[in-house]
Amino acid sequence: MKPTPLITNDDTAHLAKLASLPVSPDRMAKLNGQIEATFEYIQIIQQTDTSGLAETNQVTGLSNVTRSDVVDDSRTLTQAQALQNAKYTHNGYFVVPAILE
């Protein structure tokens, strides 16, 4: 007796439609096999005992290297300085052309 497939042509056609991918009927059988192999691999991974492992979100041991977010007053402009060369301003703001209707 042949085992029931994990994925059918209808499933593959539905996935292809969701992904907006045209799939020919001859390609459908190959995709079924590839998707089924992926699902089988996922089942193997799900059966792996990870109860003795600590949770992690990355495995390289690297950490972010960031600097403190400090305002450097020597490098900032006043509002008047920032607007002085603007072509159009209104109430202390830059005026730019609308890009959305």
N, C-alpha and C. Protein backbone atom coordinates (compact mmCIF):
# COMPACT_ATOMS: atom_id res chain seq x y z
N MET A 1 0.84 -1.18 0.00
CA MET A 1 0.00 0.00 0.00
C MET A 1 0.88 1.24 0.00
N LYS A 2 0.58 2.17 -0.87
CA LYS A 2 1.37 3.39 -1.02
C LYS A 2 0.99 4.38 0.09
N PRO A 3 2.01 4.98 0.78
CA PRO A 3 1.67 5.93 1.83
C PRO A 3 1.03 7.20 1.26
N THR A 4 0.19 7.81 2.07
CA THR A 4 -0.47 9.05 1.65
C THR A 4 0.57 10.16 1.55
N PRO A 5 0.60 10.88 0.44
CA PRO A 5 1.59 11.95 0.30
C PRO A 5 1.30 13.09 1.28
N LEU A 6 2.37 13.72 1.72
CA LEU A 6 2.21 14.86 2.63
C LEU A 6 1.63 16.07 1.90
N ILE A 7 1.90 16.17 0.62
CA ILE A 7 1.43 17.31 -0.16
C ILE A 7 0.87 16.82 -1.49
N THR A 8 -0.23 17.39 -1.89
CA THR A 8 -0.91 16.99 -3.13
C THR A 8 -0.69 18.05 -4.20
N ASN A 9 -1.13 17.71 -5.42
CA ASN A 9 -1.06 18.69 -6.51
C ASN A 9 -1.88 19.94 -6.17
N ASP A 10 -3.01 19.74 -5.50
CA ASP A 10 -3.84 20.89 -5.12
C ASP A 10 -3.09 21.79 -4.14
N ASP A 11 -2.36 21.18 -3.18
CA ASP A 11 -1.57 21.97 -2.23
C ASP A 11 -0.49 22.77 -2.95
N THR A 12 0.20 22.12 -3.87
CA THR A 12 1.26 22.80 -4.62
C THR A 12 0.68 23.91 -5.50
N ALA A 13 -0.45 23.64 -6.12
CA ALA A 13 -1.09 24.66 -6.95
C ALA A 13 -1.50 25.86 -6.09
N HIS A 14 -1.99 25.58 -4.88
CA HIS A 14 -2.38 26.66 -3.97
C HIS A 14 -1.17 27.49 -3.55
N LEU A 15 -0.07 26.82 -3.21
CA LEU A 15 1.16 27.54 -2.85
C LEU A 15 1.66 28.37 -4.02
N ALA A 16 1.61 27.81 -5.21
CA ALA A 16 2.06 28.54 -6.40
C ALA A 16 1.18 29.77 -6.63
N LYS A 17 -0.11 29.62 -6.41
CA LYS A 17 -1.02 30.76 -6.59
C LYS A 17 -0.72 31.84 -5.56
N LEU A 18 -0.47 31.45 -4.31
CA LEU A 18 -0.15 32.42 -3.26
C LEU A 18 1.14 33.17 -3.58
N ALA A 19 2.09 32.48 -4.20
CA ALA A 19 3.37 33.08 -4.53
C ALA A 19 3.36 33.73 -5.92
N SER A 20 2.21 33.70 -6.59
CA SER A 20 2.06 34.24 -7.95
C SER A 20 3.09 33.64 -8.91
N LEU A 21 3.25 32.32 -8.81
CA LEU A 21 4.19 31.61 -9.68
C LEU A 21 3.42 30.71 -10.63
N PRO A 22 3.64 30.85 -11.93
CA PRO A 22 3.00 29.91 -12.86
C PRO A 22 3.73 28.57 -12.80
N VAL A 23 2.98 27.49 -12.64
CA VAL A 23 3.58 26.15 -12.55
C VAL A 23 2.90 25.25 -13.57
N SER A 24 3.71 24.70 -14.47
CA SER A 24 3.17 23.79 -15.49
C SER A 24 2.87 22.44 -14.84
N PRO A 25 1.95 21.67 -15.43
CA PRO A 25 1.60 20.37 -14.85
C PRO A 25 2.79 19.41 -14.72
N ASP A 26 3.72 19.42 -15.69
CA ASP A 26 4.87 18.52 -15.60
C ASP A 26 5.83 18.94 -14.49
N ARG A 27 5.86 20.21 -14.17
CA ARG A 27 6.72 20.72 -13.09
C ARG A 27 6.08 20.47 -11.72
N MET A 28 4.75 20.30 -11.71
CA MET A 28 4.01 20.11 -10.46
C MET A 28 4.49 18.88 -9.69
N ALA A 29 4.71 17.75 -10.38
CA ALA A 29 5.14 16.52 -9.72
C ALA A 29 6.51 16.71 -9.07
N LYS A 30 7.42 17.38 -9.77
CA LYS A 30 8.75 17.61 -9.22
C LYS A 30 8.67 18.50 -7.98
N LEU A 31 7.85 19.56 -8.06
CA LEU A 31 7.69 20.45 -6.91
C LEU A 31 7.07 19.72 -5.72
N ASN A 32 6.10 18.84 -5.99
CA ASN A 32 5.50 18.05 -4.91
C ASN A 32 6.57 17.29 -4.16
N GLY A 33 7.45 16.63 -4.89
CA GLY A 33 8.52 15.85 -4.26
C GLY A 33 9.47 16.72 -3.46
N GLN A 34 9.81 17.88 -3.99
CA GLN A 34 10.74 18.78 -3.29
C GLN A 34 10.10 19.35 -2.02
N ILE A 35 8.84 19.75 -2.11
CA ILE A 35 8.16 20.29 -0.94
C ILE A 35 7.96 19.20 0.11
N GLU A 36 7.63 18.01 -0.34
CA GLU A 36 7.45 16.89 0.59
C GLU A 36 8.76 16.56 1.30
N ALA A 37 9.88 16.60 0.57
CA ALA A 37 11.19 16.34 1.19
C ALA A 37 11.49 17.41 2.25
N THR A 38 11.11 18.64 1.97
CA THR A 38 11.30 19.71 2.95
C THR A 38 10.48 19.44 4.20
N PHE A 39 9.20 19.06 4.02
CA PHE A 39 8.35 18.76 5.17
C PHE A 39 8.88 17.58 5.98
N GLU A 40 9.41 16.57 5.31
CA GLU A 40 9.98 15.42 6.02
C GLU A 40 11.18 15.86 6.86
N TYR A 41 11.99 16.73 6.31
CA TYR A 41 13.14 17.24 7.05
C TYR A 41 12.69 18.05 8.26
N ILE A 42 11.65 18.84 8.08
CA ILE A 42 11.11 19.62 9.21
C ILE A 42 10.61 18.68 10.31
N GLN A 43 9.97 17.57 9.93
CA GLN A 43 9.50 16.61 10.92
C GLN A 43 10.67 16.02 11.70
N ILE A 44 11.77 15.74 11.03
CA ILE A 44 12.96 15.20 11.71
C ILE A 44 13.49 16.23 12.71
N ILE A 45 13.55 17.48 12.29
CA ILE A 45 14.04 18.54 13.18
C ILE A 45 13.12 18.69 14.38
N GLN A 46 11.80 18.60 14.17
CA GLN A 46 10.85 18.75 15.27
C GLN A 46 10.97 17.63 16.29
N GLN A 47 11.46 16.47 15.89
CA GLN A 47 11.62 15.34 16.80
C GLN A 47 12.91 15.40 17.60
N THR A 48 13.78 16.33 17.28
CA THR A 48 15.06 16.46 17.97
C THR A 48 14.84 16.97 19.38
N ASP A 49 15.48 16.32 20.35
CA ASP A 49 15.34 16.72 21.75
C ASP A 49 16.26 17.92 22.03
N THR A 50 15.66 19.05 22.32
CA THR A 50 16.41 20.25 22.62
C THR A 50 16.18 20.72 24.05
N SER A 51 15.64 19.83 24.89
CA SER A 51 15.29 20.23 26.26
C SER A 51 16.53 20.62 27.08
N GLY A 52 17.70 20.09 26.76
CA GLY A 52 18.90 20.41 27.52
C GLY A 52 19.68 21.60 26.98
N LEU A 53 19.15 22.25 25.97
CA LEU A 53 19.86 23.37 25.35
C LEU A 53 19.24 24.70 25.77
N ALA A 54 20.09 25.69 25.95
CA ALA A 54 19.60 27.02 26.29
C ALA A 54 19.05 27.68 25.04
N GLU A 55 18.03 28.51 25.23
CA GLU A 55 17.47 29.24 24.10
C GLU A 55 18.47 30.27 23.61
N THR A 56 18.46 30.49 22.30
CA THR A 56 19.36 31.49 21.72
C THR A 56 18.70 32.09 20.50
N ASN A 57 19.11 33.29 20.16
CA ASN A 57 18.60 33.90 18.94
C ASN A 57 19.71 34.05 17.91
N GLN A 58 20.94 33.73 18.27
CA GLN A 58 22.05 33.73 17.34
C GLN A 58 23.14 32.83 17.91
N VAL A 59 24.01 32.34 17.04
CA VAL A 59 24.97 31.34 17.49
C VAL A 59 26.42 31.74 17.31
N THR A 60 26.67 32.96 16.85
CA THR A 60 28.04 33.35 16.57
C THR A 60 28.78 33.88 17.79
N GLY A 61 28.04 34.25 18.84
CA GLY A 61 28.67 34.82 20.03
C GLY A 61 28.98 36.29 19.89
N LEU A 62 28.65 36.87 18.75
CA LEU A 62 28.90 38.29 18.55
C LEU A 62 27.82 39.13 19.22
N SER A 63 28.18 40.34 19.58
CA SER A 63 27.19 41.24 20.14
C SER A 63 27.27 42.56 19.38
N ASN A 64 26.19 43.32 19.46
CA ASN A 64 26.17 44.61 18.77
C ASN A 64 27.17 45.56 19.40
N VAL A 65 27.87 46.27 18.55
CA VAL A 65 28.81 47.28 19.01
C VAL A 65 28.18 48.62 18.66
N THR A 66 27.68 49.29 19.65
CA THR A 66 27.02 50.56 19.41
C THR A 66 27.59 51.61 20.35
N ARG A 67 27.41 52.82 19.96
CA ARG A 67 27.86 53.91 20.81
C ARG A 67 26.65 54.51 21.51
N SER A 68 26.88 55.26 22.54
CA SER A 68 25.80 55.93 23.23
C SER A 68 25.21 56.98 22.32
N ASP A 69 23.92 57.17 22.42
CA ASP A 69 23.24 58.17 21.61
C ASP A 69 23.32 59.50 22.34
N VAL A 70 24.36 60.25 22.02
CA VAL A 70 24.63 61.53 22.69
C VAL A 70 24.60 62.63 21.64
N VAL A 71 23.93 63.74 21.96
CA VAL A 71 23.88 64.87 21.04
C VAL A 71 25.20 65.62 21.13
N ASP A 72 25.82 65.85 19.96
CA ASP A 72 27.06 66.60 19.88
C ASP A 72 26.69 68.02 19.44
N ASP A 73 26.58 68.93 20.39
CA ASP A 73 26.14 70.29 20.10
C ASP A 73 27.08 71.02 19.15
N SER A 74 28.32 70.60 19.06
CA SER A 74 29.25 71.28 18.16
C SER A 74 28.96 70.96 16.69
N ARG A 75 28.16 69.93 16.44
CA ARG A 75 27.88 69.52 15.06
C ARG A 75 26.42 69.74 14.67
N THR A 76 25.65 70.42 15.50
CA THR A 76 24.24 70.63 15.18
C THR A 76 24.00 72.05 14.68
N LEU A 77 22.93 72.19 13.91
CA LEU A 77 22.54 73.49 13.40
C LEU A 77 21.32 73.99 14.16
N THR A 78 21.22 75.30 14.27
CA THR A 78 19.98 75.87 14.79
C THR A 78 18.94 75.75 13.69
N GLN A 79 17.68 75.94 14.05
CA GLN A 79 16.63 75.86 13.05
C GLN A 79 16.84 76.92 11.96
N ALA A 80 17.21 78.10 12.36
CA ALA A 80 17.45 79.17 11.38
C ALA A 80 18.59 78.82 10.43
N GLN A 81 19.66 78.24 10.96
CA GLN A 81 20.79 77.84 10.11
C GLN A 81 20.37 76.74 9.13
N ALA A 82 19.58 75.79 9.60
CA ALA A 82 19.16 74.69 8.74
C ALA A 82 18.27 75.18 7.61
N LEU A 83 17.45 76.20 7.87
CA LEU A 83 16.50 76.68 6.88
C LEU A 83 17.04 77.81 5.99
N GLN A 84 18.20 78.32 6.29
CA GLN A 84 18.66 79.54 5.62
C GLN A 84 18.80 79.40 4.10
N ASN A 85 19.11 78.25 3.58
CA ASN A 85 19.26 78.09 2.13
C ASN A 85 18.09 77.37 1.48
N ALA A 86 17.05 77.13 2.25
CA ALA A 86 15.88 76.43 1.70
C ALA A 86 15.15 77.32 0.71
N LYS A 87 14.69 76.72 -0.37
CA LYS A 87 13.97 77.49 -1.39
C LYS A 87 12.62 77.95 -0.84
N TYR A 88 11.91 77.03 -0.16
CA TYR A 88 10.61 77.38 0.41
C TYR A 88 10.54 76.91 1.86
N THR A 89 10.02 77.78 2.72
CA THR A 89 9.80 77.41 4.13
C THR A 89 8.43 77.92 4.54
N HIS A 90 7.91 77.36 5.61
CA HIS A 90 6.63 77.80 6.16
C HIS A 90 6.61 77.48 7.65
N ASN A 91 6.45 78.48 8.47
CA ASN A 91 6.38 78.32 9.93
C ASN A 91 7.55 77.50 10.47
N GLY A 92 8.74 77.72 9.97
CA GLY A 92 9.92 77.05 10.49
C GLY A 92 10.16 75.65 9.95
N TYR A 93 9.48 75.28 8.86
CA TYR A 93 9.64 73.95 8.26
C TYR A 93 10.02 74.08 6.79
N PHE A 94 10.67 73.04 6.26
CA PHE A 94 10.93 72.96 4.82
C PHE A 94 9.60 72.70 4.11
N VAL A 95 9.41 73.30 2.96
CA VAL A 95 8.26 73.02 2.12
C VAL A 95 8.79 72.26 0.91
N VAL A 96 8.22 71.07 0.68
CA VAL A 96 8.64 70.23 -0.43
C VAL A 96 7.41 69.86 -1.26
N PRO A 97 7.60 69.53 -2.55
CA PRO A 97 6.46 69.15 -3.37
C PRO A 97 5.82 67.86 -2.84
N ALA A 98 4.51 67.79 -2.94
CA ALA A 98 3.78 66.58 -2.54
C ALA A 98 4.11 65.45 -3.51
N ILE A 99 4.27 64.24 -2.97
CA ILE A 99 4.55 63.09 -3.84
C ILE A 99 3.37 62.13 -3.88
N LEU A 100 2.41 62.31 -2.99
CA LEU A 100 1.22 61.44 -2.96
C LEU A 100 0.00 62.28 -3.29
N GLU A 101 -0.94 61.66 -3.91
CA GLU A 101 -2.17 62.39 -4.24
C GLU A 101 -3.19 62.22 -3.16
